[in-house]
């Protein structure tokens, strides 16, 4: 490692592989080394350490825990690179194998958990679980109450397997088909082994949804759990990273500022059909510039990339320039001088933060006192929503990436200033790109503004709606009514084999230029009641039900 100081995992021999890696990282931090170097081997991780963290609190299904078991935890490191090896094809030859106790719908130690690190880099690493958290097979028999599945070679086949986040596939094309068979609450019963490579599930609900000959995937559980986690890391860089099998979310980055990622691949190995029962990579309250290229996501239940913060909800107006706001789930600091968008109906008012304080933790969230530089707008009252700009990126860019067989949306976008260039979305249950906020359950914001979708391919997308939006591109903020998602440019895309091309429910100032629609029944659908401004190629205004405009 010319020009660098390196610590080698192979030089640490005590304990299991997890302890050896932890010892190498501790030593690197202690002596100021900037590289921890891994061998081209599979590191089987068994032991774990327990850390204090609030990193669990992310949605309504999160446990009320303040501790997390981790195989490898890195806290407060600076200028550190975790460097794996590559094989002759340039693929990661270093694999970190997380422990799986095979408990149904339980929690597992995170493989890698990083908090408060600066200039952290990951190179040439693969992550997986063993035994695998997912399995797959073919439907051999069904009646009104049961299905019998022949499990593919190399996939787990054991009595008492879970049936969570189950999905169907066309055996001829390998394409995801239809709505998910089961979700995060499973099938109500467990699989029972009925032959050497055969499982039987008693579930009238499942039996009614599948057909003989279809391929199925299923998972051991579907908890809000994070296999790899990065919180409050500045200038996070990742290149040539693979996730082959995950429990819960494969990756979560929270309140990180500045992310550069390339060749991030979330894809099952062998003949498993799915990678994870939850999102591949969730971006939560991340800021700065986020640049992602050559990402591949294949086989996840929910979204390929889910990106959002949470709404600030006005709890009490104290003075003309001061109010208390509540925000769900984890705490994140505000920034003096940054702006908050205050949403009163369809109107948006920008107010700059002069001062703020954390008033404490309440039930499922935190209270913030905010003093603004200007008076609050007329109509400010309890329940008015705010979106903090310091919890969103200055710019998000994803290019040259693909999202295939996603039982959710390829991209779920609740950010401003997001750009999608030359990406492919294929066989996505919900829209390939779904723009808009959510309020009723998780209070995820904000709305999507300043969006560019250009030179992308959409194929067989949005065949099952979400929040009432379907198609290749959907624009819909759940729990809202009106024109909320604005300044959206959809240019030179190809949309194929989908019932709807672009479904605009609550968009405004949407521009559709040079898009091609092949095998699409409804190229553009505009909600007649909301009736936001939508423009075609020649600045023609698109009205609901208008088929004369060129897109």
Protein backbone atom coordinates (compact mmCIF):
# COMPACT_ATOMS: atom_id res chain seq x y z
CA UNK A 1 0.00 0.00 0.00
CA UNK A 2 2.49 2.65 -1.24
CA UNK A 3 1.82 6.10 0.22
CA UNK A 4 -0.59 4.81 2.83
CA UNK A 5 -0.41 3.19 6.25
CA UNK A 6 -2.25 -0.11 6.33
CA UNK A 7 -3.39 -2.65 8.88
CA UNK A 8 -3.99 -6.20 7.62
CA UNK A 9 -6.76 -8.36 9.04
CA UNK A 10 -4.63 -11.47 8.44
CA UNK A 11 -2.21 -10.30 11.14
CA UNK A 12 -4.90 -10.68 13.85
CA UNK A 13 -5.46 -14.28 14.89
CA UNK A 14 -7.45 -14.32 18.12
CA UNK A 15 -11.18 -15.05 18.13
CA UNK A 16 -13.58 -15.65 15.27
CA UNK A 17 -13.48 -13.66 12.04
CA UNK A 18 -15.67 -10.90 13.47
CA UNK A 19 -13.37 -10.39 16.45
CA UNK A 20 -10.30 -10.38 14.18
CA UNK A 21 -11.85 -7.66 12.00
CA UNK A 22 -12.86 -5.60 15.04
CA UNK A 23 -9.32 -5.89 16.43
CA UNK A 24 -7.79 -4.78 13.13
CA UNK A 25 -10.08 -1.74 12.94
CA UNK A 26 -9.41 -0.78 16.57
CA UNK A 27 -5.68 -0.98 15.93
CA UNK A 28 -5.92 1.06 12.72
CA UNK A 29 -7.81 3.83 14.53
CA UNK A 30 -5.39 3.76 17.46
CA UNK A 31 -2.25 4.20 15.31
CA UNK A 32 -3.86 6.48 12.71
CA UNK A 33 -3.63 4.02 9.82
CA UNK A 34 -5.83 4.89 6.88
CA UNK A 35 -6.45 1.41 5.41
CA UNK A 36 -7.76 -1.86 6.82
CA UNK A 37 -6.96 -4.52 4.22
CA UNK A 38 -8.93 -7.75 3.84
CA UNK A 39 -7.88 -10.99 2.18
CA UNK A 40 -9.75 -12.54 -0.79
CA UNK A 41 -11.66 -14.90 1.51
CA UNK A 42 -15.05 -15.38 3.12
CA UNK A 43 -15.05 -14.01 6.67
CA UNK A 44 -17.68 -15.93 8.66
CA UNK A 45 -18.94 -13.60 11.39
CA UNK A 46 -20.35 -15.11 14.57
CA UNK A 47 -19.52 -12.94 17.58
CA UNK A 48 -21.14 -9.53 18.04
CA UNK A 49 -20.79 -6.42 20.17
CA UNK A 50 -23.71 -4.37 21.50
CA UNK A 51 -23.74 -0.60 21.07
CA UNK A 52 -26.00 2.19 22.28
CA UNK A 53 -27.84 3.79 19.34
CA UNK A 54 -31.11 5.34 18.22
CA UNK A 55 -30.58 3.97 14.74
CA UNK A 56 -33.52 1.58 14.96
CA UNK A 57 -36.26 4.24 15.03
CA UNK A 58 -37.25 4.65 11.39
CA UNK A 59 -40.87 3.66 10.88
CA UNK A 60 -44.04 2.53 12.61
CA UNK A 61 -42.72 -1.04 12.78
CA UNK A 62 -39.44 -0.15 14.48
CA UNK A 63 -38.70 -1.68 17.90
CA UNK A 64 -38.41 0.60 20.91
CA UNK A 65 -34.77 -0.29 21.42
CA UNK A 66 -31.71 1.82 22.17
CA UNK A 67 -29.12 -0.92 21.62
CA UNK A 68 -28.04 -2.90 18.57
CA UNK A 69 -25.95 -6.04 18.17
CA UNK A 70 -23.30 -5.67 15.47
CA UNK A 71 -20.65 -7.98 14.07
CA UNK A 72 -18.47 -4.97 13.24
CA UNK A 73 -19.05 -1.46 14.62
CA UNK A 74 -17.01 1.61 13.69
CA UNK A 75 -17.69 4.69 15.81
CA UNK A 76 -16.03 8.06 15.32
CA UNK A 77 -13.31 7.03 12.86
CA UNK A 78 -11.69 9.49 10.47
CA UNK A 79 -10.00 8.99 7.10
CA UNK A 80 -10.40 5.21 7.07
CA UNK A 81 -10.71 2.84 4.10
CA UNK A 82 -11.98 -0.73 4.37
CA UNK A 83 -10.39 -2.39 1.34
CA UNK A 84 -11.33 -5.82 0.08
CA UNK A 85 -9.75 -7.83 -2.72
CA UNK A 86 -10.99 -8.47 -6.27
CA UNK A 87 -10.98 -11.56 -8.47
CA UNK A 88 -9.79 -11.80 -12.08
CA UNK A 89 -13.08 -10.29 -13.30
CA UNK A 90 -12.86 -7.35 -10.93
CA UNK A 91 -15.64 -8.66 -8.67
CA UNK A 92 -15.25 -8.41 -4.88
CA UNK A 93 -13.37 -11.46 -3.60
CA UNK A 94 -13.83 -10.47 0.04
CA UNK A 95 -17.17 -11.48 1.55
CA UNK A 96 -18.44 -10.67 5.04
CA UNK A 97 -20.92 -13.40 5.98
CA UNK A 98 -23.38 -12.39 8.68
CA UNK A 99 -24.79 -14.85 11.19
CA UNK A 100 -28.35 -16.12 10.84
CA UNK A 101 -29.93 -17.88 13.81
CA UNK A 102 -32.91 -18.91 11.59
CA UNK A 103 -35.38 -17.41 14.06
CA UNK A 104 -38.65 -16.53 12.36
CA UNK A 105 -39.25 -12.79 11.90
CA UNK A 106 -36.51 -11.84 14.32
CA UNK A 107 -33.59 -9.41 14.43
CA UNK A 108 -29.99 -10.24 13.53
CA UNK A 109 -26.65 -8.58 14.23
CA UNK A 110 -25.78 -5.91 11.68
CA UNK A 111 -22.78 -6.95 9.61
CA UNK A 112 -21.34 -3.42 9.54
CA UNK A 113 -22.58 -0.47 11.64
CA UNK A 114 -20.83 2.90 11.34
CA UNK A 115 -21.63 6.15 13.18
CA UNK A 116 -19.99 9.59 13.23
CA UNK A 117 -17.20 8.76 10.81
CA UNK A 118 -15.48 11.27 8.53
CA UNK A 119 -13.99 10.33 5.14
CA UNK A 120 -15.00 6.67 5.35
CA UNK A 121 -14.42 4.57 2.23
CA UNK A 122 -15.53 1.02 1.38
CA UNK A 123 -13.90 -0.81 -1.54
CA UNK A 124 -14.44 -4.26 -3.05
CA UNK A 125 -16.59 -5.82 -0.33
CA UNK A 126 -19.50 -8.25 -0.50
CA UNK A 127 -22.13 -8.86 2.19
CA UNK A 128 -24.44 -11.83 2.70
CA UNK A 129 -26.21 -13.99 5.30
CA UNK A 130 -25.75 -17.68 5.99
CA UNK A 131 -27.90 -19.66 6.15
CA UNK A 132 -29.61 -17.57 3.49
CA UNK A 133 -32.51 -15.41 4.64
CA UNK A 134 -34.45 -16.01 1.41
CA UNK A 135 -35.49 -19.09 -0.52
CA UNK A 136 -37.16 -19.87 -3.84
CA UNK A 137 -38.88 -22.65 -5.73
CA UNK A 138 -41.64 -23.68 -8.13
CA UNK A 139 -45.31 -24.27 -7.32
CA UNK A 140 -45.98 -28.00 -7.79
CA UNK A 141 -49.53 -28.23 -6.44
CA UNK A 142 -52.29 -26.02 -5.11
CA UNK A 143 -55.80 -26.52 -3.80
CA UNK A 144 -58.14 -24.18 -1.96
CA UNK A 145 -56.14 -24.35 1.26
CA UNK A 146 -52.55 -25.37 0.45
CA UNK A 147 -49.64 -24.94 -1.89
CA UNK A 148 -46.72 -27.34 -2.40
CA UNK A 149 -43.40 -25.87 -3.53
CA UNK A 150 -40.39 -27.65 -4.96
CA UNK A 151 -37.40 -25.78 -3.55
CA UNK A 152 -34.59 -24.96 -5.99
CA UNK A 153 -31.22 -26.58 -5.35
CA UNK A 154 -28.96 -24.41 -3.24
CA UNK A 155 -31.87 -22.70 -1.49
CA UNK A 156 -32.84 -23.30 2.16
CA UNK A 157 -35.44 -26.03 2.63
CA UNK A 158 -36.39 -26.79 6.21
CA UNK A 159 -39.45 -27.37 8.35
CA UNK A 160 -40.90 -24.22 9.89
CA UNK A 161 -39.63 -21.69 7.34
CA UNK A 162 -41.29 -18.26 7.31
CA UNK A 163 -43.45 -17.12 4.39
CA UNK A 164 -42.84 -13.37 4.48
CA UNK A 165 -42.74 -10.99 1.52
CA UNK A 166 -43.54 -13.74 -0.96
CA UNK A 167 -43.51 -12.89 -4.67
CA UNK A 168 -44.35 -14.60 -7.96
CA UNK A 169 -42.30 -14.87 -11.14
CA UNK A 170 -42.97 -15.91 -14.71
CA UNK A 171 -41.01 -19.16 -15.17
CA UNK A 172 -40.29 -18.41 -18.85
CA UNK A 173 -38.96 -14.86 -18.50
CA UNK A 174 -37.99 -14.61 -14.82
CA UNK A 175 -40.10 -11.45 -14.55
CA UNK A 176 -41.78 -10.40 -11.32
CA UNK A 177 -45.52 -10.65 -11.84
CA UNK A 178 -48.56 -9.31 -10.00
CA UNK A 179 -48.97 -7.98 -6.49
CA UNK A 180 -46.85 -9.46 -3.70
CA UNK A 181 -48.43 -12.66 -2.36
CA UNK A 182 -47.57 -11.86 1.27
CA UNK A 183 -46.15 -8.81 3.00
CA UNK A 184 -44.49 -8.02 6.34
CA UNK A 185 -47.08 -9.94 8.35
CA UNK A 186 -46.40 -13.19 6.51
CA UNK A 187 -48.90 -15.89 5.58
CA UNK A 188 -50.23 -16.66 9.06
CA UNK A 189 -48.63 -20.12 8.98
CA UNK A 190 -45.14 -21.49 8.43
CA UNK A 191 -43.94 -23.84 5.71
CA UNK A 192 -43.84 -27.52 6.64
CA UNK A 193 -41.36 -29.86 5.02
CA UNK A 194 -43.21 -32.53 3.06
CA UNK A 195 -40.36 -34.04 1.04
CA UNK A 196 -36.61 -33.91 0.56
CA UNK A 197 -36.80 -30.67 -1.45
CA UNK A 198 -40.48 -29.93 -0.90
CA UNK A 199 -42.41 -27.56 1.35
CA UNK A 200 -46.15 -27.28 2.02
CA UNK A 201 -47.89 -24.14 3.19
CA UNK A 202 -51.43 -24.08 4.56
CA UNK A 203 -52.85 -20.71 3.57
CA UNK A 204 -56.07 -20.16 1.60
CA UNK A 205 -54.93 -16.59 0.97
CA UNK A 206 -51.70 -17.70 -0.68
CA UNK A 207 -53.36 -20.57 -2.54
CA UNK A 208 -55.80 -18.13 -4.13
CA UNK A 209 -52.99 -15.96 -5.50
CA UNK A 210 -50.54 -18.45 -7.06
CA UNK A 211 -50.63 -20.84 -10.01
CA UNK A 212 -49.00 -24.19 -10.64
CA UNK A 213 -45.69 -23.76 -12.46
CA UNK A 214 -45.03 -20.24 -11.20
CA UNK A 215 -41.77 -19.53 -9.42
CA UNK A 216 -41.95 -18.14 -5.87
CA UNK A 217 -39.58 -16.40 -3.50
CA UNK A 218 -40.08 -15.94 0.24
CA UNK A 219 -38.21 -14.73 3.31
CA UNK A 220 -37.56 -15.79 6.89
CA UNK A 221 -38.95 -12.47 8.17
CA UNK A 222 -39.38 -8.80 7.27
CA UNK A 223 -38.34 -6.69 10.23
CA UNK A 224 -37.16 -3.08 10.13
CA UNK A 225 -33.56 -4.18 10.54
CA UNK A 226 -30.40 -2.95 8.85
CA UNK A 227 -27.67 -5.23 7.53
CA UNK A 228 -25.27 -2.34 6.89
CA UNK A 229 -25.79 1.08 8.46
CA UNK A 230 -24.07 4.46 8.21
CA UNK A 231 -25.14 7.42 10.36
CA UNK A 232 -23.75 10.98 10.44
CA UNK A 233 -20.82 10.07 8.22
CA UNK A 234 -19.24 12.92 6.26
CA UNK A 235 -17.93 12.25 2.75
CA UNK A 236 -18.87 8.59 2.54
CA UNK A 237 -17.42 6.80 -0.50
CA UNK A 238 -18.29 3.31 -1.71
CA UNK A 239 -17.15 1.45 -4.81
CA UNK A 240 -17.58 -2.12 -6.04
CA UNK A 241 -19.87 -3.27 -3.23
CA UNK A 242 -22.12 -6.34 -3.44
CA UNK A 243 -25.09 -7.42 -1.33
CA UNK A 244 -26.15 -10.96 -2.20
CA UNK A 245 -28.60 -11.72 0.59
CA UNK A 246 -29.95 -9.54 3.39
CA UNK A 247 -32.35 -9.53 6.30
CA UNK A 248 -34.37 -6.32 6.48
CA UNK A 249 -32.92 -3.29 4.68
CA UNK A 250 -29.71 -4.18 2.90
CA UNK A 251 -28.25 -0.71 3.53
CA UNK A 252 -29.27 2.47 5.30
CA UNK A 253 -27.48 5.82 5.27
CA UNK A 254 -28.81 8.30 7.82
CA UNK A 255 -27.89 11.99 8.16
CA UNK A 256 -24.75 11.48 6.09
CA UNK A 257 -23.35 14.53 4.31
CA UNK A 258 -21.82 13.88 0.90
CA UNK A 259 -22.06 10.38 -0.62
CA UNK A 260 -20.25 9.10 -3.71
CA UNK A 261 -21.12 5.55 -4.72
CA UNK A 262 -20.39 3.49 -7.81
CA UNK A 263 -20.92 -0.15 -8.76
CA UNK A 264 -23.27 -0.82 -5.86
CA UNK A 265 -24.91 -4.15 -6.67
CA UNK A 266 -27.81 -5.61 -4.68
CA UNK A 267 -28.52 -8.90 -6.44
CA UNK A 268 -29.08 -12.52 -5.33
CA UNK A 269 -26.44 -15.11 -6.08
CA UNK A 270 -27.19 -18.64 -7.20
CA UNK A 271 -30.81 -19.32 -8.14
CA UNK A 272 -32.40 -17.34 -5.33
CA UNK A 273 -34.84 -14.88 -6.85
CA UNK A 274 -34.75 -12.14 -4.21
CA UNK A 275 -32.04 -10.28 -2.33
CA UNK A 276 -33.94 -8.76 0.61
CA UNK A 277 -37.42 -8.49 2.16
CA UNK A 278 -37.08 -4.71 2.53
CA UNK A 279 -35.48 -1.84 0.58
CA UNK A 280 -32.07 -2.24 -0.99
CA UNK A 281 -30.71 1.16 0.04
CA UNK A 282 -32.57 3.78 2.05
CA UNK A 283 -31.31 7.37 2.14
CA UNK A 284 -32.67 9.10 5.24
CA UNK A 285 -32.09 12.79 6.01
CA UNK A 286 -28.88 12.74 3.98
CA UNK A 287 -27.45 16.07 2.82
CA UNK A 288 -24.79 17.61 0.62
CA UNK A 289 -24.14 16.15 -2.83
CA UNK A 290 -25.11 12.53 -3.50
CA UNK A 291 -23.69 10.97 -6.68
CA UNK A 292 -24.55 7.36 -7.58
CA UNK A 293 -23.54 5.56 -10.76
CA UNK A 294 -23.73 2.00 -12.11
CA UNK A 295 -25.96 0.76 -9.30
CA UNK A 296 -27.84 -2.50 -9.85
CA UNK A 297 -30.81 -3.50 -7.71
CA UNK A 298 -32.54 -6.80 -8.35
CA UNK A 299 -35.12 -8.60 -6.24
CA UNK A 300 -36.22 -6.56 -3.22
CA UNK A 301 -39.60 -6.18 -1.53
CA UNK A 302 -40.38 -2.49 -1.27
CA UNK A 303 -38.09 -0.05 -2.97
CA UNK A 304 -34.79 -0.15 -4.79
CA UNK A 305 -33.81 3.24 -3.39
CA UNK A 306 -36.07 4.96 -0.86
CA UNK A 307 -35.09 8.56 -0.16
CA UNK A 308 -36.79 10.87 2.32
CA UNK A 309 -36.71 12.85 5.55
CA UNK A 310 -39.66 13.37 7.94
CA UNK A 311 -42.14 16.18 8.21
CA UNK A 312 -41.93 18.77 10.95
CA UNK A 313 -45.48 19.20 12.28
CA UNK A 314 -46.32 22.44 14.10
CA UNK A 315 -47.29 21.67 17.67
CA UNK A 316 -47.57 25.17 19.15
CA UNK A 317 -47.05 28.70 17.84
CA UNK A 318 -45.21 30.56 20.61
CA UNK A 319 -44.61 34.00 19.08
CA UNK A 320 -44.68 35.73 15.71
CA UNK A 321 -41.37 34.11 14.75
CA UNK A 322 -41.25 31.08 17.03
CA UNK A 323 -42.97 27.69 17.10
CA UNK A 324 -42.59 24.18 18.47
CA UNK A 325 -42.57 21.34 15.96
CA UNK A 326 -42.81 17.57 16.38
CA UNK A 327 -40.92 15.17 14.11
CA UNK A 328 -41.34 11.40 14.09
CA UNK A 329 -38.67 8.83 14.82
CA UNK A 330 -34.95 9.60 15.12
CA UNK A 331 -33.39 12.89 16.17
CA UNK A 332 -31.38 14.93 13.68
CA UNK A 333 -29.96 18.41 14.33
CA UNK A 334 -31.25 21.43 12.47
CA UNK A 335 -28.87 24.02 11.03
CA UNK A 336 -28.98 27.75 11.78
CA UNK A 337 -29.23 29.67 8.51
CA UNK A 338 -30.94 26.84 6.65
CA UNK A 339 -34.51 27.12 5.43
CA UNK A 340 -37.76 25.39 6.33
CA UNK A 341 -40.55 25.11 3.77
CA UNK A 342 -43.88 25.76 5.50
CA UNK A 343 -46.79 24.23 3.59
CA UNK A 344 -50.18 25.92 4.00
CA UNK A 345 -52.48 24.28 1.49
CA UNK A 346 -50.76 24.49 -1.90
CA UNK A 347 -48.74 27.55 -0.86
CA UNK A 348 -45.13 27.19 0.24
CA UNK A 349 -43.44 29.76 2.49
CA UNK A 350 -39.68 29.76 3.05
CA UNK A 351 -38.43 30.76 6.47
CA UNK A 352 -34.78 30.80 7.56
CA UNK A 353 -33.78 29.37 10.96
CA UNK A 354 -32.29 31.97 13.33
CA UNK A 355 -32.07 29.63 16.33
CA UNK A 356 -33.35 26.26 17.42
CA UNK A 357 -33.21 23.83 20.33
CA UNK A 358 -34.06 20.21 20.98
CA UNK A 359 -36.88 20.17 23.53
CA UNK A 360 -36.71 16.46 24.17
CA UNK A 361 -37.88 13.07 23.08
CA UNK A 362 -41.56 12.17 23.18
CA UNK A 363 -43.68 9.27 21.99
CA UNK A 364 -42.18 8.05 18.70
CA UNK A 365 -40.34 11.27 17.97
CA UNK A 366 -38.76 14.55 19.07
CA UNK A 367 -39.81 18.15 19.72
CA UNK A 368 -37.93 21.12 18.24
CA UNK A 369 -38.25 24.80 19.17
CA UNK A 370 -37.46 26.94 16.13
CA UNK A 371 -36.97 30.70 15.96
CA UNK A 372 -37.13 32.13 12.43
CA UNK A 373 -35.57 35.29 11.01
CA UNK A 374 -38.97 36.48 9.73
CA UNK A 375 -42.52 36.37 10.99
CA UNK A 376 -44.40 33.14 10.45
CA UNK A 377 -46.86 33.30 7.53
CA UNK A 378 -50.50 34.16 7.99
CA UNK A 379 -52.47 31.02 8.64
CA UNK A 380 -49.70 29.36 10.65
CA UNK A 381 -51.29 27.03 13.18
CA UNK A 382 -51.04 23.62 14.83
CA UNK A 383 -50.61 20.83 12.28
CA UNK A 384 -48.96 22.93 9.56
CA UNK A 385 -46.14 20.92 7.99
CA UNK A 386 -42.56 21.97 7.49
CA UNK A 387 -39.76 20.44 5.41
CA UNK A 388 -36.23 21.17 6.66
CA UNK A 389 -33.80 21.80 3.79
CA UNK A 390 -30.90 20.69 6.01
CA UNK A 391 -32.40 17.18 5.98
CA UNK A 392 -32.31 16.90 2.18
CA UNK A 393 -29.47 16.79 -0.36
CA UNK A 394 -28.28 19.86 -2.20
CA UNK A 395 -28.36 17.54 -5.21
CA UNK A 396 -29.07 13.85 -5.81
CA UNK A 397 -27.89 12.22 -9.04
CA UNK A 398 -28.36 8.61 -10.08
CA UNK A 399 -27.10 7.60 -13.52
CA UNK A 400 -26.39 4.47 -15.57
CA UNK A 401 -28.21 2.26 -13.05
CA UNK A 402 -30.83 -0.49 -13.24
CA UNK A 403 -33.74 -1.67 -11.07
CA UNK A 404 -35.23 -5.07 -11.92
CA UNK A 405 -37.89 -7.23 -10.24
CA UNK A 406 -38.72 -4.72 -7.53
CA UNK A 407 -41.84 -5.47 -5.45
CA UNK A 408 -42.25 -1.75 -4.81
CA UNK A 409 -40.86 1.27 -6.68
CA UNK A 410 -37.45 1.39 -8.32
CA UNK A 411 -36.97 4.87 -6.87
CA UNK A 412 -39.22 6.30 -4.16
CA UNK A 413 -38.46 10.01 -4.18
CA UNK A 414 -39.44 12.42 -1.40
CA UNK A 415 -36.54 14.83 -2.06
CA UNK A 416 -36.01 17.99 -4.09
CA UNK A 417 -33.22 18.46 -6.66
CA UNK A 418 -33.14 14.83 -7.81
CA UNK A 419 -31.90 13.79 -11.25
CA UNK A 420 -32.18 10.38 -12.93
CA UNK A 421 -30.16 9.87 -16.10
CA UNK A 422 -29.91 6.78 -18.32
CA UNK A 423 -31.43 4.39 -15.79
CA UNK A 424 -33.46 1.22 -16.45
CA UNK A 425 -36.59 0.18 -14.55
CA UNK A 426 -37.99 -3.24 -15.38
CA UNK A 427 -40.69 -5.35 -13.74
CA UNK A 428 -41.48 -2.97 -10.89
CA UNK A 429 -44.72 -3.63 -9.02
CA UNK A 430 -45.22 0.09 -8.28
CA UNK A 431 -44.07 2.87 -10.62
CA UNK A 432 -40.46 2.69 -11.73
CA UNK A 433 -40.04 6.17 -10.26
CA UNK A 434 -42.63 7.29 -7.70
CA UNK A 435 -42.47 10.97 -6.77
CA UNK A 436 -44.18 12.41 -3.71
CA UNK A 437 -44.47 12.53 0.07
CA UNK A 438 -46.39 10.40 2.56
CA UNK A 439 -48.21 11.63 5.65
CA UNK A 440 -50.75 9.21 7.21
CA UNK A 441 -48.41 6.52 8.61
CA UNK A 442 -44.72 7.45 8.59
CA UNK A 443 -44.91 11.23 7.91
CA UNK A 444 -42.23 10.98 5.24
CA UNK A 445 -41.39 14.14 3.35
CA UNK A 446 -41.08 16.21 1.53
CA UNK A 447 -42.78 16.65 -1.79
CA UNK A 448 -40.66 16.19 -4.92
CA UNK A 449 -39.57 19.44 -6.60
CA UNK A 450 -36.93 20.16 -9.26
CA UNK A 451 -36.85 16.66 -10.73
CA UNK A 452 -35.26 15.53 -14.01
CA UNK A 453 -35.93 12.08 -15.51
CA UNK A 454 -33.99 11.78 -18.77
CA UNK A 455 -32.91 9.03 -21.19
CA UNK A 456 -34.36 6.28 -18.99
CA UNK A 457 -36.00 3.01 -20.03
CA UNK A 458 -39.17 1.76 -18.31
CA UNK A 459 -40.47 -1.72 -19.09
CA UNK A 460 -43.44 -3.42 -17.40
CA UNK A 461 -43.72 -0.94 -14.56
CA UNK A 462 -46.43 0.07 -12.11
CA UNK A 463 -48.77 -2.86 -12.65
CA UNK A 464 -49.99 -2.54 -9.06
CA UNK A 465 -50.73 1.00 -7.82
CA UNK A 466 -49.33 2.65 -4.71
CA UNK A 467 -51.13 5.58 -3.11
CA UNK A 468 -53.35 5.45 -6.19
CA UNK A 469 -50.46 6.06 -8.63
CA UNK A 470 -49.44 3.51 -11.24
CA UNK A 471 -47.44 3.40 -14.48
CA UNK A 472 -43.79 3.98 -15.35
CA UNK A 473 -43.59 7.32 -13.54
CA UNK A 474 -46.11 8.12 -10.81
CA UNK A 475 -46.58 11.52 -9.14
CA UNK A 476 -48.60 11.31 -5.94
CA UNK A 477 -48.19 12.51 -2.35
CA UNK A 478 -50.18 10.21 -0.04
CA UNK A 479 -52.44 11.99 2.45
CA UNK A 480 -52.48 15.27 0.52
CA UNK A 481 -54.78 16.88 -2.05
CA UNK A 482 -53.65 19.59 -4.41
CA UNK A 483 -50.67 20.62 -6.53
CA UNK A 484 -47.66 19.63 -4.46
CA UNK A 485 -44.95 18.01 -6.63
CA UNK A 486 -43.58 20.69 -8.95
CA UNK A 487 -41.02 21.50 -11.65
CA UNK A 488 -40.66 18.02 -13.07
CA UNK A 489 -38.90 17.44 -16.41
CA UNK A 490 -39.48 14.06 -18.10
CA UNK A 491 -37.39 13.97 -21.30
CA UNK A 492 -36.39 11.43 -23.98
CA UNK A 493 -37.46 8.34 -22.04
CA UNK A 494 -38.77 5.08 -23.49
CA UNK A 495 -41.78 3.54 -21.73
CA UNK A 496 -42.84 0.02 -22.71
CA UNK A 497 -45.30 -2.74 -21.89
CA UNK A 498 -47.10 -0.84 -19.15
CA UNK A 499 -50.74 0.17 -18.88
CA UNK A 500 -49.85 3.78 -18.00
CA UNK A 501 -46.80 5.79 -18.97
CA UNK A 502 -46.86 8.84 -16.69
CA UNK A 503 -49.54 9.07 -13.99
CA UNK A 504 -49.82 12.63 -12.67
CA UNK A 505 -52.13 12.87 -9.67
CA UNK A 506 -50.85 15.94 -7.82
CA UNK A 507 -48.07 17.29 -10.03
CA UNK A 508 -47.72 20.85 -11.32
CA UNK A 509 -45.38 22.38 -13.90
CA UNK A 510 -44.63 18.94 -15.35
CA UNK A 511 -42.91 18.93 -18.76
CA UNK A 512 -43.06 15.89 -21.07
CA UNK A 513 -40.66 16.16 -24.02
CA UNK A 514 -39.57 13.57 -26.58
CA UNK A 515 -40.77 10.46 -24.74
CA UNK A 516 -41.60 7.26 -26.64
CA UNK A 517 -44.47 4.99 -25.59
CA UNK A 518 -44.46 1.40 -26.87
CA UNK A 519 -47.23 -0.96 -25.88
CA UNK A 520 -48.60 1.62 -23.45
CA UNK A 521 -52.39 1.91 -23.27
CA UNK A 522 -52.47 5.37 -21.62
CA UNK A 523 -49.33 7.44 -22.30
CA UNK A 524 -50.21 10.22 -19.85
CA UNK A 525 -52.92 10.31 -17.19
CA UNK A 526 -53.68 13.63 -15.48
CA UNK A 527 -55.97 13.85 -12.45
CA UNK A 528 -58.97 15.89 -13.56
CA UNK A 529 -59.75 17.26 -10.09
CA UNK A 530 -56.28 18.46 -9.16
CA UNK A 531 -55.55 19.48 -12.77
CA UNK A 532 -51.96 20.68 -12.36
CA UNK A 533 -50.18 22.30 -15.30
CA UNK A 534 -48.71 19.63 -17.57
CA UNK A 535 -46.98 20.52 -20.84
CA UNK A 536 -46.25 18.44 -23.94
CA UNK A 537 -43.48 18.74 -26.51
CA UNK A 538 -44.69 22.02 -28.04
CA UNK A 539 -45.69 23.56 -24.71
CA UNK A 540 -49.20 22.32 -25.33
CA UNK A 541 -51.14 22.02 -22.11
CA UNK A 542 -52.16 18.44 -21.34
CA UNK A 543 -55.71 18.13 -20.05
CA UNK A 544 -57.23 15.07 -18.42
CA UNK A 545 -58.30 12.64 -21.17
CA UNK A 546 -56.54 14.62 -23.94
CA UNK A 547 -54.96 12.26 -26.51
CA UNK A 548 -53.97 14.95 -29.04
CA UNK A 549 -50.82 16.28 -27.34
CA UNK A 550 -47.36 15.05 -28.35
CA UNK A 551 -45.10 14.03 -25.50
